[in-house]
Amino acid sequence: MKDTTDWVLGTVFSTVGSSYRKPGAMMMFSGQGHQLGLLSGGCLESDIQRHARRVMLSGKSLQLEYDGNNEDDISFQLGIGCGGVVRILLQPVSVSNGYLQLEDMFYALAGKRTGYYHVDLAQRVSEFTNRFQTGSVGQGDKASLNTSVGASELRIPVRPVPHLLIAGGGVDARPLARIATELGWSVTVWDPRPANAREEYFETVSHLVRGDLWALATHVSTHPVNAAVIMTHSISLDAAALGFIADLNPAYAALLGPSHRRQEVLAKAGLEKSVTAQILAGPAGLDLGGELPETIALAILAECQAKLSGHSAASLSFQLATPSPAFDAAESFHPHFPYQGTCPTGPS
């Protein structure tokens, strides 16, 4: 569709005070009314679309400012309540300006490569000089504004969507895979057992791998893994998966089950004194009080998201600042391991 309709790239390049999106947020608008992405919480997009049509007609970029403190501003009149200032750049996207090198960024992301997208903010004749450069991106790196002499650009870190590997295709893996997919993540489910990881229960995942560890190794050789959750409900299979995943060195690795089971799996895999033993999240997830697969999946993915983004997972309002009584995983099963009898996907 890139040449069948007009397109405009919208980019948040500056904010002051509270705002739903931060600098670096990008969104595409088409002449047919398509809106891909978000520049606010959905409050400003209709007005931005109206300005995007002006850009399509003029072929020139346009800067917008929404001030939640200004009574004459539409963001104030909508009663959004954020009270901040958001500045947005709208740029036409066409073959004449090399599609702002968005194609280069697309192919890099498709190839699981990171990099930086540089958005030119200067208002001059040769204004379409956005560029994408591949390169290493730090975990906590954020968009930064460069206003040095003769330059005015926003440098945006670009990362592929996380790739989550779920080892185990039982009933409790279904909501984990489904929610991760809804987050936009790439998800691979691996389970060598014929009765598990059935297609009809994992229709939304990117990949289902049904073979042995060699089949999984072949798959991950072309699909790098950022995070892994081991939940086969089998000590021996968990240990085999953990030994394999340890070599992948993912940013986040978690094991379902209580602390004493974690030790059994590590011992079985021969990894008791390894680096993996130090970074393995087990019991998996945050203490959200989850008991059923859906809430357990939420707890695991919340911890995974915090780890991948380099955040603390602390309560932003400090309403949960007082810790709950310590849970003695050595004496009882962890809430993230609800099956205290026979596991539906195999022995625990």
C-alpha atoms as a PDB file:
ATOM      1  CA  MET A   1       0.000   0.000   0.000  1.00  0.00           C
ATOM      2  CA  LYS A   2       2.979   2.342   0.234  1.00  0.00           C
ATOM      3  CA  ASP A   3       2.424   3.740  -3.287  1.00  0.00           C
ATOM      4  CA  THR A   4      -1.350   3.366  -3.571  1.00  0.00           C
ATOM      5  CA  THR A   5      -2.169   6.116  -1.092  1.00  0.00           C
ATOM      6  CA  ASP A   6      -0.477   9.060   0.636  1.00  0.00           C
ATOM      7  CA  TRP A   7       1.330   8.473   3.926  1.00  0.00           C
ATOM      8  CA  VAL A   8       2.537  10.702   6.736  1.00  0.00           C
ATOM      9  CA  LEU A   9       4.887   9.808   9.594  1.00  0.00           C
ATOM     10  CA  GLY A  10       4.077  11.390  12.939  1.00  0.00           C
ATOM     11  CA  THR A  11       6.744  11.503  15.636  1.00  0.00           C
ATOM     12  CA  VAL A  12       6.614  12.820  19.197  1.00  0.00           C
ATOM     13  CA  PHE A  13       9.882  14.733  19.468  1.00  0.00           C
ATOM     14  CA  SER A  14       9.411  16.672  22.722  1.00  0.00           C
ATOM     15  CA  THR A  15       7.240  16.602  25.842  1.00  0.00           C
ATOM     16  CA  VAL A  16       6.978  18.781  28.931  1.00  0.00           C
ATOM     17  CA  GLY A  17       5.204  17.486  32.009  1.00  0.00           C
ATOM     18  CA  SER A  18       2.799  14.557  31.843  1.00  0.00           C
ATOM     19  CA  SER A  19       2.093  12.848  28.535  1.00  0.00           C
ATOM     20  CA  TYR A  20       0.780   9.442  27.494  1.00  0.00           C
ATOM     21  CA  ARG A  21       3.545   8.879  24.925  1.00  0.00           C
ATOM     22  CA  LYS A  22       7.140   9.998  25.229  1.00  0.00           C
ATOM     23  CA  PRO A  23       9.658  11.301  22.664  1.00  0.00           C
ATOM     24  CA  GLY A  24      10.353   8.656  20.054  1.00  0.00           C
ATOM     25  CA  ALA A  25       6.752   7.474  19.706  1.00  0.00           C
ATOM     26  CA  MET A  26       5.865   7.124  16.024  1.00  0.00           C
ATOM     27  CA  MET A  27       2.647   6.671  14.071  1.00  0.00           C
ATOM     28  CA  MET A  28       1.650   6.344  10.428  1.00  0.00           C
ATOM     29  CA  PHE A  29      -1.359   8.051   8.823  1.00  0.00           C
ATOM     30  CA  SER A  30      -2.670   7.215   5.361  1.00  0.00           C
ATOM     31  CA  GLY A  31      -4.814   9.077   2.890  1.00  0.00           C
ATOM     32  CA  GLN A  32      -7.388   6.297   3.243  1.00  0.00           C
ATOM     33  CA  GLY A  33      -7.732   6.885   6.978  1.00  0.00           C
ATOM     34  CA  HIS A  34      -5.408   4.161   8.273  1.00  0.00           C
ATOM     35  CA  GLN A  35      -3.793   4.882  11.630  1.00  0.00           C
ATOM     36  CA  LEU A  36      -0.915   2.637  12.699  1.00  0.00           C
ATOM     37  CA  GLY A  37       0.454   3.236  16.179  1.00  0.00           C
ATOM     38  CA  LEU A  38      -0.356   5.856  18.814  1.00  0.00           C
ATOM     39  CA  LEU A  39       0.923   9.342  19.607  1.00  0.00           C
ATOM     40  CA  SER A  40      -1.401   9.843  22.579  1.00  0.00           C
ATOM     41  CA  GLY A  41      -3.851   7.708  24.496  1.00  0.00           C
ATOM     42  CA  GLY A  42      -6.213   7.903  21.548  1.00  0.00           C
ATOM     43  CA  CYS A  43      -7.367  11.435  22.433  1.00  0.00           C
ATOM     44  CA  LEU A  44      -5.486  13.472  19.832  1.00  0.00           C
ATOM     45  CA  GLU A  45      -5.249  11.120  16.873  1.00  0.00           C
ATOM     46  CA  SER A  46      -8.344  12.442  15.060  1.00  0.00           C
ATOM     47  CA  ASP A  47      -6.987  15.991  15.163  1.00  0.00           C
ATOM     48  CA  ILE A  48      -3.518  14.807  14.138  1.00  0.00           C
ATOM     49  CA  GLN A  49      -5.096  12.962  11.191  1.00  0.00           C
ATOM     50  CA  ARG A  50      -6.657  16.256  10.069  1.00  0.00           C
ATOM     51  CA  HIS A  51      -3.240  17.941  10.092  1.00  0.00           C
ATOM     52  CA  ALA A  52      -1.703  14.912   8.365  1.00  0.00           C
ATOM     53  CA  ARG A  53      -4.047  15.507   5.436  1.00  0.00           C
ATOM     54  CA  ARG A  54      -2.639  19.022   5.137  1.00  0.00           C
ATOM     55  CA  VAL A  55       0.855  17.532   4.942  1.00  0.00           C
ATOM     56  CA  MET A  56      -0.280  15.112   2.228  1.00  0.00           C
ATOM     57  CA  LEU A  57      -1.590  18.029   0.148  1.00  0.00           C
ATOM     58  CA  SER A  58       1.403  20.330   0.663  1.00  0.00           C
ATOM     59  CA  GLY A  59       4.184  17.754   0.637  1.00  0.00           C
ATOM     60  CA  LYS A  60       5.833  19.709   3.452  1.00  0.00           C
ATOM     61  CA  SER A  61       6.495  18.729   7.033  1.00  0.00           C
ATOM     62  CA  LEU A  62       4.572  20.311   9.897  1.00  0.00           C
ATOM     63  CA  GLN A  63       5.163  20.673  13.632  1.00  0.00           C
ATOM     64  CA  LEU A  64       2.251  20.538  16.062  1.00  0.00           C
ATOM     65  CA  GLU A  65       2.046  21.462  19.724  1.00  0.00           C
ATOM     66  CA  TYR A  66      -0.660  20.317  22.137  1.00  0.00           C
ATOM     67  CA  ASP A  67      -0.664  22.168  25.456  1.00  0.00           C
ATOM     68  CA  GLY A  68      -2.879  20.690  28.159  1.00  0.00           C
ATOM     69  CA  ASN A  69      -2.513  23.851  30.235  1.00  0.00           C
ATOM     70  CA  ASN A  70      -3.745  26.239  27.531  1.00  0.00           C
ATOM     71  CA  GLU A  71      -7.497  26.823  27.672  1.00  0.00           C
ATOM     72  CA  ASP A  72      -7.546  27.552  23.917  1.00  0.00           C
ATOM     73  CA  ASP A  73      -5.800  24.290  23.046  1.00  0.00           C
ATOM     74  CA  ILE A  74      -7.834  21.301  21.869  1.00  0.00           C
ATOM     75  CA  SER A  75      -6.084  18.989  24.336  1.00  0.00           C
ATOM     76  CA  PHE A  76      -7.309  21.230  27.190  1.00  0.00           C
ATOM     77  CA  GLN A  77     -10.814  21.484  25.730  1.00  0.00           C
ATOM     78  CA  LEU A  78     -11.097  17.710  25.471  1.00  0.00           C
ATOM     79  CA  GLY A  79     -10.690  17.518  29.246  1.00  0.00           C
ATOM     80  CA  ILE A  80      -7.885  14.959  29.003  1.00  0.00           C
ATOM     81  CA  GLY A  81      -6.364  16.141  32.267  1.00  0.00           C
ATOM     82  CA  CYS A  82      -2.719  15.233  31.609  1.00  0.00           C
ATOM     83  CA  GLY A  83      -1.702  18.881  31.743  1.00  0.00           C
ATOM     84  CA  GLY A  84       1.475  18.403  29.737  1.00  0.00           C
ATOM     85  CA  VAL A  85       2.841  19.687  26.449  1.00  0.00           C
ATOM     86  CA  VAL A  86       3.363  17.359  23.487  1.00  0.00           C
ATOM     87  CA  ARG A  87       5.210  18.385  20.321  1.00  0.00           C
ATOM     88  CA  ILE A  88       4.776  16.302  17.191  1.00  0.00           C
ATOM     89  CA  LEU A  89       6.463  16.358  13.778  1.00  0.00           C
ATOM     90  CA  LEU A  90       4.463  15.276  10.718  1.00  0.00           C
ATOM     91  CA  GLN A  91       6.463  14.303   7.622  1.00  0.00           C
ATOM     92  CA  PRO A  92       5.234  13.141   4.209  1.00  0.00           C
ATOM     93  CA  VAL A  93       6.423   9.677   3.221  1.00  0.00           C
ATOM     94  CA  SER A  94       6.907   9.001  -0.473  1.00  0.00           C
ATOM     95  CA  VAL A  95       9.270   7.610  -3.089  1.00  0.00           C
ATOM     96  CA  SER A  96      10.603  11.139  -3.679  1.00  0.00           C
ATOM     97  CA  ASN A  97      12.091  11.302  -0.151  1.00  0.00           C
ATOM     98  CA  GLY A  98      13.194   7.685  -0.034  1.00  0.00           C
ATOM     99  CA  TYR A  99      10.258   6.783   2.238  1.00  0.00           C
ATOM    100  CA  LEU A 100      12.263   8.492   5.014  1.00  0.00           C
ATOM    101  CA  GLN A 101      14.349   5.289   5.168  1.00  0.00           C
ATOM    102  CA  LEU A 102      11.482   3.541   6.915  1.00  0.00           C
ATOM    103  CA  GLU A 103      12.036   0.559   4.630  1.00  0.00           C
ATOM    104  CA  ASP A 104      15.583   0.201   5.956  1.00  0.00           C
ATOM    105  CA  MET A 105      14.227   0.169   9.495  1.00  0.00           C
ATOM    106  CA  PHE A 106      11.538  -2.361   8.542  1.00  0.00           C
ATOM    107  CA  TYR A 107      14.026  -4.810   7.038  1.00  0.00           C
ATOM    108  CA  ALA A 108      16.360  -4.420  10.011  1.00  0.00           C
ATOM    109  CA  LEU A 109      13.534  -5.246  12.419  1.00  0.00           C
ATOM    110  CA  ALA A 110      12.473  -8.192  10.257  1.00  0.00           C
ATOM    111  CA  GLY A 111      16.042  -9.451  10.550  1.00  0.00           C
ATOM    112  CA  LYS A 112      16.001  -8.960  14.347  1.00  0.00           C
ATOM    113  CA  ARG A 113      18.605  -6.186  14.169  1.00  0.00           C
ATOM    114  CA  THR A 114      18.702  -3.130  16.415  1.00  0.00           C
ATOM    115  CA  GLY A 115      19.663   0.388  15.511  1.00  0.00           C
ATOM    116  CA  TYR A 116      18.780   4.072  15.651  1.00  0.00           C
ATOM    117  CA  TYR A 117      16.312   6.047  13.602  1.00  0.00           C
ATOM    118  CA  HIS A 118      17.330   9.679  13.186  1.00  0.00           C
ATOM    119  CA  VAL A 119      14.461  12.112  12.619  1.00  0.00           C
ATOM    120  CA  ASP A 120      15.483  15.428  11.082  1.00  0.00           C
ATOM    121  CA  LEU A 121      13.658  18.278  12.817  1.00  0.00           C
ATOM    122  CA  ALA A 122      15.213  21.134  10.865  1.00  0.00           C
ATOM    123  CA  GLN A 123      12.857  23.215   8.753  1.00  0.00           C
ATOM    124  CA  ARG A 124      14.857  23.719   5.573  1.00  0.00           C
ATOM    125  CA  VAL A 125      14.647  22.988   1.858  1.00  0.00           C
ATOM    126  CA  SER A 126      16.428  19.630   2.076  1.00  0.00           C
ATOM    127  CA  GLU A 127      14.307  18.624   5.016  1.00  0.00           C
ATOM    128  CA  PHE A 128      13.808  14.933   4.255  1.00  0.00           C
ATOM    129  CA  THR A 129      17.016  13.531   5.686  1.00  0.00           C
ATOM    130  CA  ASN A 130      15.733  10.942   8.141  1.00  0.00           C
ATOM    131  CA  ARG A 131      18.026   7.964   8.280  1.00  0.00           C
ATOM    132  CA  PHE A 132      18.287   4.570   9.919  1.00  0.00           C
ATOM    133  CA  GLN A 133      21.563   3.089  11.135  1.00  0.00           C
ATOM    134  CA  THR A 134      21.977  -0.427  12.477  1.00  0.00           C
ATOM    135  CA  GLY A 135      23.976  -0.845  15.664  1.00  0.00           C
ATOM    136  CA  SER A 136      23.931  -1.973  19.259  1.00  0.00           C
ATOM    137  CA  VAL A 137      21.249  -0.391  21.451  1.00  0.00           C
ATOM    138  CA  GLY A 138      21.568  -0.234  25.225  1.00  0.00           C
ATOM    139  CA  GLN A 139      18.840  -1.760  27.396  1.00  0.00           C
ATOM    140  CA  GLY A 140      17.773   1.520  28.959  1.00  0.00           C
ATOM    141  CA  ASP A 141      18.509   3.717  25.953  1.00  0.00           C
ATOM    142  CA  LYS A 142      15.775   6.270  25.203  1.00  0.00           C
ATOM    143  CA  ALA A 143      15.106   8.783  22.455  1.00  0.00           C
ATOM    144  CA  SER A 144      17.388  11.812  22.695  1.00  0.00           C
ATOM    145  CA  LEU A 145      17.174  15.265  21.146  1.00  0.00           C
ATOM    146  CA  ASN A 146      20.282  16.738  19.534  1.00  0.00           C
ATOM    147  CA  THR A 147      20.146  20.498  19.112  1.00  0.00           C
ATOM    148  CA  SER A 148      23.833  21.193  18.551  1.00  0.00           C
ATOM    149  CA  VAL A 149      25.000  23.880  16.137  1.00  0.00           C
ATOM    150  CA  GLY A 150      23.773  23.157  12.624  1.00  0.00           C
ATOM    151  CA  ALA A 151      21.758  20.126  13.702  1.00  0.00           C
ATOM    152  CA  SER A 152      18.358  19.425  15.098  1.00  0.00           C
ATOM    153  CA  GLU A 153      17.376  15.795  15.193  1.00  0.00           C
ATOM    154  CA  LEU A 154      15.805  13.152  17.366  1.00  0.00           C
ATOM    155  CA  ARG A 155      17.667   9.870  17.761  1.00  0.00           C
ATOM    156  CA  ILE A 156      15.274   7.006  18.453  1.00  0.00           C
ATOM    157  CA  PRO A 157      16.505   3.575  19.609  1.00  0.00           C
ATOM    158  CA  VAL A 158      14.854   0.825  17.572  1.00  0.00           C
ATOM    159  CA  ARG A 159      14.536  -2.721  18.866  1.00  0.00           C
ATOM    160  CA  PRO A 160      12.767  -5.760  17.391  1.00  0.00           C
ATOM    161  CA  VAL A 161       9.781  -7.089  19.318  1.00  0.00           C
ATOM    162  CA  PRO A 162      10.844  -9.544  22.055  1.00  0.00           C
ATOM    163  CA  HIS A 163      10.971 -13.198  21.126  1.00  0.00           C
ATOM    164  CA  LEU A 164       9.613 -15.379  23.939  1.00  0.00           C
ATOM    165  CA  LEU A 165      10.375 -19.089  24.022  1.00  0.00           C
ATOM    166  CA  ILE A 166       7.937 -21.190  26.046  1.00  0.00           C
ATOM    167  CA  ALA A 167       9.225 -24.663  26.832  1.00  0.00           C
ATOM    168  CA  GLY A 168       6.081 -26.651  27.528  1.00  0.00           C
ATOM    169  CA  GLY A 169       2.773 -26.750  25.703  1.00  0.00           C
ATOM    170  CA  GLY A 170       0.349 -27.637  28.481  1.00  0.00           C
ATOM    171  CA  VAL A 171      -2.884 -25.974  29.493  1.00  0.00           C
ATOM    172  CA  ASP A 172      -1.156 -23.294  31.587  1.00  0.00           C
ATOM    173  CA  ALA A 173       1.077 -22.303  28.674  1.00  0.00           C
ATOM    174  CA  ARG A 174      -1.939 -21.243  26.602  1.00  0.00           C
ATOM    175  CA  PRO A 175      -2.725 -17.924  28.337  1.00  0.00           C
ATOM    176  CA  LEU A 176       0.997 -17.151  28.585  1.00  0.00           C
ATOM    177  CA  ALA A 177       1.358 -17.531  24.822  1.00  0.00           C
ATOM    178  CA  ARG A 178      -1.893 -15.711  24.096  1.00  0.00           C
ATOM    179  CA  ILE A 179      -1.172 -12.663  26.275  1.00  0.00           C
ATOM    180  CA  ALA A 180       2.408 -12.398  25.007  1.00  0.00           C
ATOM    181  CA  THR A 181       1.075 -12.420  21.451  1.00  0.00           C
ATOM    182  CA  GLU A 182      -1.390  -9.655  22.321  1.00  0.00           C
ATOM    183  CA  LEU A 183       1.571  -7.631  23.602  1.00  0.00           C
ATOM    184  CA  GLY A 184       2.951  -7.847  20.080  1.00  0.00           C
ATOM    185  CA  TRP A 185       5.740 -10.265  21.004  1.00  0.00           C
ATOM    186  CA  SER A 186       6.970 -13.076  18.829  1.00  0.00           C
ATOM    187  CA  VAL A 187       6.230 -16.377  20.594  1.00  0.00           C
ATOM    188  CA  THR A 188       7.656 -19.851  20.059  1.00  0.00           C
ATOM    189  CA  VAL A 189       6.177 -22.824  21.911  1.00  0.00           C
ATOM    190  CA  TRP A 190       8.291 -25.975  22.102  1.00  0.00           C
ATOM    191  CA  ASP A 191       7.212 -29.370  23.406  1.00  0.00           C
ATOM    192  CA  PRO A 192       8.378 -32.744  22.024  1.00  0.00           C
ATOM    193  CA  ARG A 193       5.438 -34.689  23.487  1.00  0.00           C
ATOM    194  CA  PRO A 194       2.682 -35.591  20.989  1.00  0.00           C
ATOM    195  CA  ALA A 195      -0.187 -34.689  23.340  1.00  0.00           C
ATOM    196  CA  ASN A 196       1.158 -31.190  24.016  1.00  0.00           C
ATOM    197  CA  ALA A 197       1.529 -27.941  22.071  1.00  0.00           C
ATOM    198  CA  ARG A 198      -1.415 -28.784  19.854  1.00  0.00           C
ATOM    199  CA  GLU A 199      -2.082 -26.317  17.060  1.00  0.00           C
ATOM    200  CA  GLU A 200      -5.711 -25.690  17.941  1.00  0.00           C
ATOM    201  CA  TYR A 201      -4.676 -24.358  21.378  1.00  0.00           C
ATOM    202  CA  PHE A 202      -1.819 -22.143  20.135  1.00  0.00           C
ATOM    203  CA  GLU A 203      -3.254 -20.577  17.005  1.00  0.00           C
ATOM    204  CA  THR A 204      -1.855 -17.107  17.747  1.00  0.00           C
ATOM    205  CA  VAL A 205       1.814 -18.011  18.294  1.00  0.00           C
ATOM    206  CA  SER A 206       4.510 -17.311  15.732  1.00  0.00           C
ATOM    207  CA  HIS A 207       6.016 -20.784  15.807  1.00  0.00           C
ATOM    208  CA  LEU A 208       5.218 -24.253  17.152  1.00  0.00           C
ATOM    209  CA  VAL A 209       8.208 -26.584  17.431  1.00  0.00           C
ATOM    210  CA  ARG A 210       7.243 -30.192  18.057  1.00  0.00           C
ATOM    211  CA  GLY A 211      10.553 -32.003  17.636  1.00  0.00           C
ATOM    212  CA  ASP A 212      13.444 -32.699  19.995  1.00  0.00           C
ATOM    213  CA  LEU A 213      16.050 -30.200  21.172  1.00  0.00           C
ATOM    214  CA  TRP A 214      17.856 -30.470  17.841  1.00  0.00           C
ATOM    215  CA  ALA A 215      14.722 -29.172  16.128  1.00  0.00           C
ATOM    216  CA  LEU A 216      14.559 -26.339  18.646  1.00  0.00           C
ATOM    217  CA  ALA A 217      18.247 -25.553  18.107  1.00  0.00           C
ATOM    218  CA  THR A 218      17.655 -25.284  14.367  1.00  0.00           C
ATOM    219  CA  HIS A 219      14.748 -22.937  14.973  1.00  0.00           C
ATOM    220  CA  VAL A 220      16.494 -20.553  17.391  1.00  0.00           C
ATOM    221  CA  SER A 221      19.562 -20.368  15.156  1.00  0.00           C
ATOM    222  CA  THR A 222      17.514 -18.077  12.921  1.00  0.00           C
ATOM    223  CA  HIS A 223      15.163 -16.715  15.608  1.00  0.00           C
ATOM    224  CA  PRO A 224      17.212 -15.267  18.503  1.00  0.00           C
ATOM    225  CA  VAL A 225      15.532 -15.625  21.893  1.00  0.00           C
ATOM    226  CA  ASN A 226      15.186 -12.700  24.311  1.00  0.00           C
ATOM    227  CA  ALA A 227      13.209 -14.456  27.036  1.00  0.00           C
ATOM    228  CA  ALA A 228      12.363 -18.033  27.983  1.00  0.00           C
ATOM    229  CA  VAL A 229       9.888 -19.639  30.353  1.00  0.00           C
ATOM    230  CA  ILE A 230      10.263 -23.315  31.228  1.00  0.00           C
ATOM    231  CA  MET A 231       7.015 -25.011  32.200  1.00  0.00           C
ATOM    232  CA  THR A 232       6.934 -28.615  30.984  1.00  0.00           C
ATOM    233  CA  HIS A 233       5.908 -30.031  34.407  1.00  0.00           C
ATOM    234  CA  SER A 234       8.622 -32.675  34.016  1.00  0.00           C
ATOM    235  CA  ILE A 235      11.874 -32.517  35.989  1.00  0.00           C
ATOM    236  CA  SER A 236      13.892 -34.255  33.268  1.00  0.00           C
ATOM    237  CA  LEU A 237      12.380 -32.254  30.415  1.00  0.00           C
ATOM    238  CA  ASP A 238      12.727 -28.993  32.338  1.00  0.00           C
ATOM    239  CA  ALA A 239      16.393 -29.817  33.006  1.00  0.00           C
ATOM    240  CA  ALA A 240      17.037 -30.576  29.346  1.00  0.00           C
ATOM    241  CA  ALA A 241      15.344 -27.353  28.300  1.00  0.00           C
ATOM    242  CA  LEU A 242      17.234 -25.344  30.919  1.00  0.00           C
ATOM    243  CA  GLY A 243      20.572 -26.743  29.760  1.00  0.00           C
ATOM    244  CA  PHE A 244      19.731 -25.720  26.226  1.00  0.00           C
ATOM    245  CA  ILE A 245      18.406 -22.269  27.159  1.00  0.00           C
ATOM    246  CA  ALA A 246      21.472 -21.532  29.324  1.00  0.00           C
ATOM    247  CA  ASP A 247      23.574 -21.509  26.146  1.00  0.00           C
ATOM    248  CA  LEU A 248      21.223 -18.981  24.533  1.00  0.00           C
ATOM    249  CA  ASN A 249      21.873 -16.459  27.326  1.00  0.00           C
ATOM    250  CA  PRO A 250      18.445 -14.771  27.168  1.00  0.00           C
ATOM    251  CA  ALA A 251      17.826 -11.518  29.019  1.00  0.00           C
ATOM    252  CA  TYR A 252      15.106 -13.258  31.042  1.00  0.00           C
ATOM    253  CA  ALA A 253      14.819 -16.931  31.964  1.00  0.00           C
ATOM    254  CA  ALA A 254      12.191 -18.332  34.319  1.00  0.00           C
ATOM    255  CA  LEU A 255      11.219 -21.720  35.679  1.00  0.00           C
ATOM    256  CA  LEU A 256       7.740 -22.583  36.889  1.00  0.00           C
ATOM    257  CA  GLY A 257       7.552 -24.196  40.318  1.00  0.00           C
ATOM    258  CA  PRO A 258       8.623 -23.701  43.938  1.00  0.00           C
ATOM    259  CA  SER A 259      12.172 -23.080  45.126  1.00  0.00           C
ATOM    260  CA  HIS A 260      12.939 -26.675  46.057  1.00  0.00           C
ATOM    261  CA  ARG A 261      11.888 -27.845  42.585  1.00  0.00           C
ATOM    262  CA  ARG A 262      14.139 -25.182  41.060  1.00  0.00           C
ATOM    263  CA  GLN A 263      17.073 -26.734  42.886  1.00  0.00           C
ATOM    264  CA  GLU A 264      16.126 -30.194  41.608  1.00  0.00           C
ATOM    265  CA  VAL A 265      16.008 -28.983  38.029  1.00  0.00           C
ATOM    266  CA  LEU A 266      19.321 -27.127  38.337  1.00  0.00           C
ATOM    267  CA  ALA A 267      20.943 -30.227  39.826  1.00  0.00           C
ATOM    268  CA  LYS A 268      19.538 -32.454  37.093  1.00  0.00           C
ATOM    269  CA  ALA A 269      20.916 -30.058  34.477  1.00  0.00           C
ATOM    270  CA  GLY A 270      24.272 -29.810  36.265  1.00  0.00           C
ATOM    271  CA  LEU A 271      23.928 -26.057  36.604  1.00  0.00           C
ATOM    272  CA  GLU A 272      23.792 -25.568  40.387  1.00  0.00           C
ATOM    273  CA  LYS A 273      26.879 -23.340  40.445  1.00  0.00           C
ATOM    274  CA  SER A 274      26.482 -21.731  37.032  1.00  0.00           C
ATOM    275  CA  VAL A 275      25.679 -18.155  36.071  1.00  0.00           C
ATOM    276  CA  THR A 276      22.288 -19.477  34.987  1.00  0.00           C
ATOM    277  CA  ALA A 277      21.539 -20.505  38.573  1.00  0.00           C
ATOM    278  CA  GLN A 278      22.145 -16.928  39.701  1.00  0.00           C
ATOM    279  CA  ILE A 279      19.883 -15.253  37.141  1.00  0.00           C
ATOM    280  CA  LEU A 280      17.150 -17.886  36.753  1.00  0.00           C
ATOM    281  CA  ALA A 281      13.787 -16.562  37.964  1.00  0.00           C
ATOM    282  CA  GLY A 282      12.280 -19.378  39.945  1.00  0.00           C
ATOM    283  CA  PRO A 283       9.624 -19.310  41.244  1.00  0.00           C
ATOM    284  CA  ALA A 284       8.660 -17.434  38.084  1.00  0.00           C
ATOM    285  CA  GLY A 285       6.857 -14.107  38.066  1.00  0.00           C
ATOM    286  CA  LEU A 286       5.829 -11.321  40.421  1.00  0.00           C
ATOM    287  CA  ASP A 287       3.817 -11.879  43.589  1.00  0.00           C
ATOM    288  CA  LEU A 288       0.400 -10.881  42.225  1.00  0.00           C
ATOM    289  CA  GLY A 289      -1.536 -13.541  44.099  1.00  0.00           C
ATOM    290  CA  GLY A 290      -2.110 -15.577  40.946  1.00  0.00           C
ATOM    291  CA  GLU A 291      -3.646 -19.015  41.324  1.00  0.00           C
ATOM    292  CA  LEU A 292      -4.991 -19.901  37.880  1.00  0.00           C
ATOM    293  CA  PRO A 293      -3.107 -20.027  34.550  1.00  0.00           C
ATOM    294  CA  GLU A 294      -4.296 -16.596  33.401  1.00  0.00           C
ATOM    295  CA  THR A 295      -3.161 -14.678  36.494  1.00  0.00           C
ATOM    296  CA  ILE A 296       0.038 -16.698  36.671  1.00  0.00           C
ATOM    297  CA  ALA A 297       0.740 -15.792  33.051  1.00  0.00           C
ATOM    298  CA  LEU A 298       0.164 -12.133  33.911  1.00  0.00           C
ATOM    299  CA  ALA A 299       2.635 -12.350  36.808  1.00  0.00           C
ATOM    300  CA  ILE A 300       5.299 -13.989  34.638  1.00  0.00           C
ATOM    301  CA  LEU A 301       4.928 -11.586  31.727  1.00  0.00           C
ATOM    302  CA  ALA A 302       4.957  -8.579  34.062  1.00  0.00           C
ATOM    303  CA  GLU A 303       8.281  -9.710  35.511  1.00  0.00           C
ATOM    304  CA  CYS A 304       9.599 -10.464  32.022  1.00  0.00           C
ATOM    305  CA  GLN A 305       8.594  -7.027  30.718  1.00  0.00           C
ATOM    306  CA  ALA A 306      10.294  -5.319  33.656  1.00  0.00           C
ATOM    307  CA  LYS A 307      13.463  -7.302  33.088  1.00  0.00           C
ATOM    308  CA  LEU A 308      13.575  -6.687  29.343  1.00  0.00           C
ATOM    309  CA  SER A 309      12.982  -2.958  29.760  1.00  0.00           C
ATOM    310  CA  GLY A 310      15.334  -2.534  32.709  1.00  0.00           C
ATOM    311  CA  HIS A 311      12.640  -1.386  35.137  1.00  0.00           C
ATOM    312  CA  SER A 312      12.005  -2.324  38.763  1.00  0.00           C
ATOM    313  CA  ALA A 313       8.367  -3.518  38.571  1.00  0.00           C
ATOM    314  CA  ALA A 314       7.700  -1.327  41.628  1.00  0.00           C
ATOM    315  CA  SER A 315       4.302   0.260  42.263  1.00  0.00           C
ATOM    316  CA  LEU A 316       4.249   3.709  40.631  1.00  0.00           C
ATOM    317  CA  SER A 317       1.841   5.004  43.281  1.00  0.00           C
ATOM    318  CA  PHE A 318       3.657   3.232  46.141  1.00  0.00           C
ATOM    319  CA  GLN A 319       0.353   1.652  47.144  1.00  0.00           C
ATOM    320  CA  LEU A 320       2.212  -1.661  47.312  1.00  0.00           C
ATOM    321  CA  ALA A 321       5.240  -0.262  49.105  1.00  0.00           C
ATOM    322  CA  THR A 322       4.602  -2.442  52.156  1.00  0.00           C
ATOM    323  CA  PRO A 323       5.665  -5.990  51.307  1.00  0.00           C
ATOM    324  CA  SER A 324       3.328  -8.872  52.007  1.00  0.00           C
ATOM    325  CA  PRO A 325       4.404 -11.516  54.527  1.00  0.00           C
ATOM    326  CA  ALA A 326       7.215 -13.664  53.211  1.00  0.00           C
ATOM    327  CA  PHE A 327       6.091 -16.793  51.422  1.00  0.00           C
ATOM    328  CA  ASP A 328       7.990 -19.893  52.525  1.00  0.00           C
ATOM    329  CA  ALA A 329       8.432 -21.725  49.250  1.00  0.00           C
ATOM    330  CA  ALA A 330      10.479 -24.409  50.993  1.00  0.00           C
ATOM    331  CA  GLU A 331       7.464 -25.508  53.016  1.00  0.00           C
ATOM    332  CA  SER A 332       4.708 -25.158  50.434  1.00  0.00           C
ATOM    333  CA  PHE A 333       4.055 -24.863  46.755  1.00  0.00           C
ATOM    334  CA  HIS A 334       4.427 -21.411  45.272  1.00  0.00           C
ATOM    335  CA  PRO A 335       1.217 -19.823  43.911  1.00  0.00           C
ATOM    336  CA  HIS A 336       2.855 -19.952  40.488  1.00  0.00           C
ATOM    337  CA  PHE A 337       2.829 -23.757  40.708  1.00  0.00           C
ATOM    338  CA  PRO A 338      -0.809 -24.528  41.421  1.00  0.00           C
ATOM    339  CA  TYR A 339      -0.854 -28.199  40.555  1.00  0.00           C
ATOM    340  CA  GLN A 340      -0.182 -29.968  43.809  1.00  0.00           C
ATOM    341  CA  GLY A 341      -1.548 -33.236  42.576  1.00  0.00           C
ATOM    342  CA  THR A 342      -1.156 -34.841  39.189  1.00  0.00           C
ATOM    343  CA  CYS A 343      -0.145 -32.294  36.556  1.00  0.00           C
ATOM    344  CA  PRO A 344      -2.347 -32.267  33.474  1.00  0.00           C
ATOM    345  CA  THR A 345       0.722 -32.066  31.242  1.00  0.00           C
ATOM    346  CA  GLY A 346       2.873 -34.667  32.903  1.00  0.00           C
ATOM    347  CA  PRO A 347       4.586 -35.440  36.217  1.00  0.00           C
ATOM    348  CA  SER A 348       6.066 -32.608  38.192  1.00  0.00           C
END
